Amino acid sequence: MIVTENPLRGAVAAKYGSCEAFSKALKWSGRKTRDIVTGRQTPNAKDITQMAHALDVWEDPAAFMAIFFAKTVHNVDI
């Protein structure tokens, strides 16, 4: 996985190379995909489910959390 400040962007780049290719895989508009990947739009549960399947992290809890809940995970006091 490509490491960036935005884990979702890194995962998309690693698997699809571009938001355009990712949006085609999801059958979403390019704008919706770019807005979610760049953090301008918050995805709903259905969006997250579709992206997790497309990124092959649906059955990998650690990768799923790292990509979709990175800020929450890193801000938790342990």
N, C-alpha and C. Protein backbone atom coordinates (compact mmCIF):
# COMPACT_ATOMS: atom_id res chain seq x y z
N MET A 1 0.84 -1.18 0.00
CA MET A 1 0.00 0.00 0.00
C MET A 1 0.89 1.25 0.00
N ILE A 2 0.54 2.23 -0.79
CA ILE A 2 1.26 3.49 -0.83
C ILE A 2 0.89 4.29 0.41
N VAL A 3 1.89 4.80 1.13
CA VAL A 3 1.64 5.54 2.35
C VAL A 3 1.52 7.03 2.03
N THR A 4 0.42 7.63 2.43
CA THR A 4 0.20 9.06 2.28
C THR A 4 -0.47 9.55 3.55
N GLU A 5 -0.66 10.86 3.66
CA GLU A 5 -1.41 11.39 4.79
C GLU A 5 -2.86 10.96 4.73
N ASN A 6 -3.32 10.63 3.54
CA ASN A 6 -4.70 10.19 3.34
C ASN A 6 -4.65 8.70 2.96
N PRO A 7 -4.91 7.81 3.92
CA PRO A 7 -4.80 6.38 3.64
C PRO A 7 -5.73 5.89 2.53
N LEU A 8 -6.92 6.50 2.40
CA LEU A 8 -7.83 6.10 1.34
C LEU A 8 -7.21 6.43 -0.02
N ARG A 9 -6.67 7.62 -0.13
CA ARG A 9 -6.02 8.02 -1.39
C ARG A 9 -4.87 7.07 -1.73
N GLY A 10 -4.09 6.69 -0.73
CA GLY A 10 -2.98 5.76 -0.94
C GLY A 10 -3.45 4.40 -1.40
N ALA A 11 -4.53 3.90 -0.79
CA ALA A 11 -5.07 2.59 -1.17
C ALA A 11 -5.62 2.62 -2.59
N VAL A 12 -6.29 3.71 -2.94
CA VAL A 12 -6.82 3.85 -4.30
C VAL A 12 -5.68 3.89 -5.31
N ALA A 13 -4.65 4.67 -5.02
CA ALA A 13 -3.50 4.78 -5.93
C ALA A 13 -2.80 3.43 -6.09
N ALA A 14 -2.66 2.70 -5.00
CA ALA A 14 -1.97 1.41 -5.05
C ALA A 14 -2.73 0.39 -5.88
N LYS A 15 -4.04 0.35 -5.72
CA LYS A 15 -4.83 -0.68 -6.41
C LYS A 15 -5.29 -0.26 -7.80
N TYR A 16 -5.68 1.02 -7.96
CA TYR A 16 -6.28 1.45 -9.22
C TYR A 16 -5.45 2.45 -10.01
N GLY A 17 -4.50 3.09 -9.37
CA GLY A 17 -3.66 4.05 -10.08
C GLY A 17 -4.23 5.44 -10.17
N SER A 18 -5.55 5.55 -10.16
CA SER A 18 -6.19 6.87 -10.26
C SER A 18 -7.61 6.82 -9.71
N CYS A 19 -8.11 7.99 -9.37
CA CYS A 19 -9.51 8.09 -8.93
C CYS A 19 -10.45 7.74 -10.07
N GLU A 20 -10.05 8.07 -11.29
CA GLU A 20 -10.89 7.78 -12.45
C GLU A 20 -11.13 6.27 -12.59
N ALA A 21 -10.07 5.50 -12.48
CA ALA A 21 -10.20 4.04 -12.58
C ALA A 21 -11.03 3.50 -11.41
N PHE A 22 -10.82 4.06 -10.21
CA PHE A 22 -11.59 3.65 -9.03
C PHE A 22 -13.07 3.97 -9.22
N SER A 23 -13.37 5.16 -9.75
CA SER A 23 -14.77 5.54 -9.95
C SER A 23 -15.45 4.62 -10.96
N LYS A 24 -14.71 4.21 -12.00
CA LYS A 24 -15.28 3.27 -12.98
C LYS A 24 -15.56 1.92 -12.33
N ALA A 25 -14.65 1.47 -11.47
CA ALA A 25 -14.85 0.19 -10.79
C ALA A 25 -16.08 0.23 -9.88
N LEU A 26 -16.29 1.39 -9.25
CA LEU A 26 -17.43 1.55 -8.34
C LEU A 26 -18.72 1.91 -9.07
N LYS A 27 -18.59 2.33 -10.34
CA LYS A 27 -19.72 2.83 -11.13
C LYS A 27 -20.31 4.09 -10.49
N TRP A 28 -19.40 4.96 -10.00
CA TRP A 28 -19.76 6.25 -9.41
C TRP A 28 -19.32 7.35 -10.35
N SER A 29 -19.84 8.54 -10.11
CA SER A 29 -19.35 9.69 -10.88
C SER A 29 -17.93 10.01 -10.42
N GLY A 30 -17.17 10.59 -11.31
CA GLY A 30 -15.81 10.98 -10.97
C GLY A 30 -15.80 12.00 -9.85
N ARG A 31 -16.75 12.91 -9.87
CA ARG A 31 -16.81 13.96 -8.84
C ARG A 31 -17.05 13.36 -7.45
N LYS A 32 -18.02 12.45 -7.35
CA LYS A 32 -18.31 11.84 -6.04
C LYS A 32 -17.07 11.11 -5.54
N THR A 33 -16.43 10.35 -6.42
CA THR A 33 -15.24 9.59 -6.03
C THR A 33 -14.13 10.52 -5.57
N ARG A 34 -13.83 11.55 -6.35
CA ARG A 34 -12.77 12.50 -5.97
C ARG A 34 -13.10 13.19 -4.65
N ASP A 35 -14.35 13.59 -4.48
CA ASP A 35 -14.73 14.28 -3.24
C ASP A 35 -14.56 13.39 -2.02
N ILE A 36 -14.90 12.13 -2.14
CA ILE A 36 -14.74 11.20 -1.01
C ILE A 36 -13.26 10.90 -0.78
N VAL A 37 -12.53 10.60 -1.84
CA VAL A 37 -11.12 10.22 -1.70
C VAL A 37 -10.29 11.38 -1.15
N THR A 38 -10.62 12.61 -1.53
CA THR A 38 -9.86 13.76 -1.04
C THR A 38 -10.35 14.27 0.31
N GLY A 39 -11.44 13.74 0.81
CA GLY A 39 -11.95 14.14 2.12
C GLY A 39 -12.92 15.30 2.10
N ARG A 40 -13.32 15.76 0.94
CA ARG A 40 -14.30 16.84 0.85
C ARG A 40 -15.70 16.38 1.20
N GLN A 41 -15.96 15.10 0.98
CA GLN A 41 -17.28 14.52 1.26
C GLN A 41 -17.10 13.34 2.18
N THR A 42 -17.95 13.22 3.17
CA THR A 42 -17.91 12.08 4.08
C THR A 42 -18.74 10.95 3.49
N PRO A 43 -18.14 9.77 3.35
CA PRO A 43 -18.90 8.64 2.80
C PRO A 43 -19.90 8.10 3.81
N ASN A 44 -21.02 7.60 3.31
CA ASN A 44 -21.98 6.94 4.20
C ASN A 44 -21.60 5.46 4.30
N ALA A 45 -22.35 4.71 5.07
CA ALA A 45 -22.02 3.29 5.30
C ALA A 45 -22.03 2.49 4.01
N LYS A 46 -22.97 2.77 3.12
CA LYS A 46 -23.05 2.06 1.84
C LYS A 46 -21.81 2.36 0.98
N ASP A 47 -21.39 3.63 0.97
CA ASP A 47 -20.20 4.02 0.21
C ASP A 47 -18.97 3.29 0.74
N ILE A 48 -18.82 3.26 2.06
CA ILE A 48 -17.67 2.60 2.68
C ILE A 48 -17.66 1.11 2.35
N THR A 49 -18.83 0.49 2.40
CA THR A 49 -18.94 -0.93 2.06
C THR A 49 -18.49 -1.18 0.63
N GLN A 50 -18.97 -0.36 -0.31
CA GLN A 50 -18.60 -0.53 -1.71
C GLN A 50 -17.09 -0.32 -1.91
N MET A 51 -16.56 0.71 -1.29
CA MET A 51 -15.13 0.97 -1.44
C MET A 51 -14.29 -0.14 -0.81
N ALA A 52 -14.70 -0.64 0.35
CA ALA A 52 -13.95 -1.71 1.02
C ALA A 52 -13.91 -2.97 0.16
N HIS A 53 -15.02 -3.29 -0.48
CA HIS A 53 -15.03 -4.45 -1.38
C HIS A 53 -14.13 -4.20 -2.59
N ALA A 54 -14.22 -3.01 -3.17
CA ALA A 54 -13.41 -2.68 -4.35
C ALA A 54 -11.92 -2.67 -4.03
N LEU A 55 -11.57 -2.31 -2.81
CA LEU A 55 -10.16 -2.25 -2.39
C LEU A 55 -9.68 -3.58 -1.78
N ASP A 56 -10.57 -4.57 -1.72
CA ASP A 56 -10.25 -5.89 -1.16
C ASP A 56 -9.80 -5.82 0.30
N VAL A 57 -10.42 -4.95 1.08
CA VAL A 57 -10.10 -4.88 2.51
C VAL A 57 -11.32 -5.21 3.38
N TRP A 58 -12.39 -5.69 2.75
CA TRP A 58 -13.62 -5.96 3.48
C TRP A 58 -13.40 -7.00 4.58
N GLU A 59 -12.56 -7.99 4.33
CA GLU A 59 -12.34 -9.05 5.30
C GLU A 59 -11.02 -8.91 6.04
N ASP A 60 -10.43 -7.72 6.01
CA ASP A 60 -9.17 -7.45 6.69
C ASP A 60 -9.39 -6.28 7.66
N PRO A 61 -9.78 -6.59 8.90
CA PRO A 61 -10.14 -5.52 9.84
C PRO A 61 -9.04 -4.47 10.04
N ALA A 62 -7.80 -4.87 10.10
CA ALA A 62 -6.71 -3.91 10.32
C ALA A 62 -6.59 -2.94 9.15
N ALA A 63 -6.61 -3.47 7.93
CA ALA A 63 -6.52 -2.61 6.74
C ALA A 63 -7.76 -1.74 6.63
N PHE A 64 -8.93 -2.31 6.89
CA PHE A 64 -10.19 -1.56 6.83
C PHE A 64 -10.14 -0.36 7.78
N MET A 65 -9.74 -0.60 9.01
CA MET A 65 -9.67 0.48 10.00
C MET A 65 -8.61 1.51 9.62
N ALA A 66 -7.49 1.05 9.14
CA ALA A 66 -6.41 1.97 8.76
C ALA A 66 -6.82 2.88 7.62
N ILE A 67 -7.62 2.37 6.70
CA ILE A 67 -8.04 3.17 5.54
C ILE A 67 -9.23 4.07 5.87
N PHE A 68 -10.25 3.53 6.49
CA PHE A 68 -11.50 4.28 6.65
C PHE A 68 -11.66 4.99 7.99
N PHE A 69 -10.86 4.62 8.98
CA PHE A 69 -11.00 5.25 10.29
C PHE A 69 -9.65 5.65 10.87
N ALA A 70 -8.74 6.02 10.02
CA ALA A 70 -7.37 6.36 10.45
C ALA A 70 -7.34 7.46 11.49
N LYS A 71 -8.07 8.54 11.29
CA LYS A 71 -8.06 9.65 12.24
C LYS A 71 -8.63 9.21 13.59
N THR A 72 -9.68 8.44 13.55
CA THR A 72 -10.29 7.95 14.78
C THR A 72 -9.34 7.02 15.52
N VAL A 73 -8.74 6.10 14.79
CA VAL A 73 -7.83 5.14 15.40
C VAL A 73 -6.63 5.85 16.03
N HIS A 74 -6.05 6.80 15.33
CA HIS A 74 -4.84 7.46 15.81
C HIS A 74 -5.11 8.47 16.91
N ASN A 75 -6.33 8.89 17.09
CA ASN A 75 -6.64 9.87 18.11
C ASN A 75 -7.17 9.23 19.40
N VAL A 76 -7.20 7.91 19.44
CA VAL A 76 -7.69 7.22 20.63
C VAL A 76 -6.56 7.09 21.64
N ASP A 77 -6.84 7.48 22.87
CA ASP A 77 -5.87 7.30 23.94
C ASP A 77 -5.94 5.87 24.43
N ILE A 78 -4.79 5.24 24.50
CA ILE A 78 -4.77 3.84 24.96
C ILE A 78 -4.08 3.80 26.30
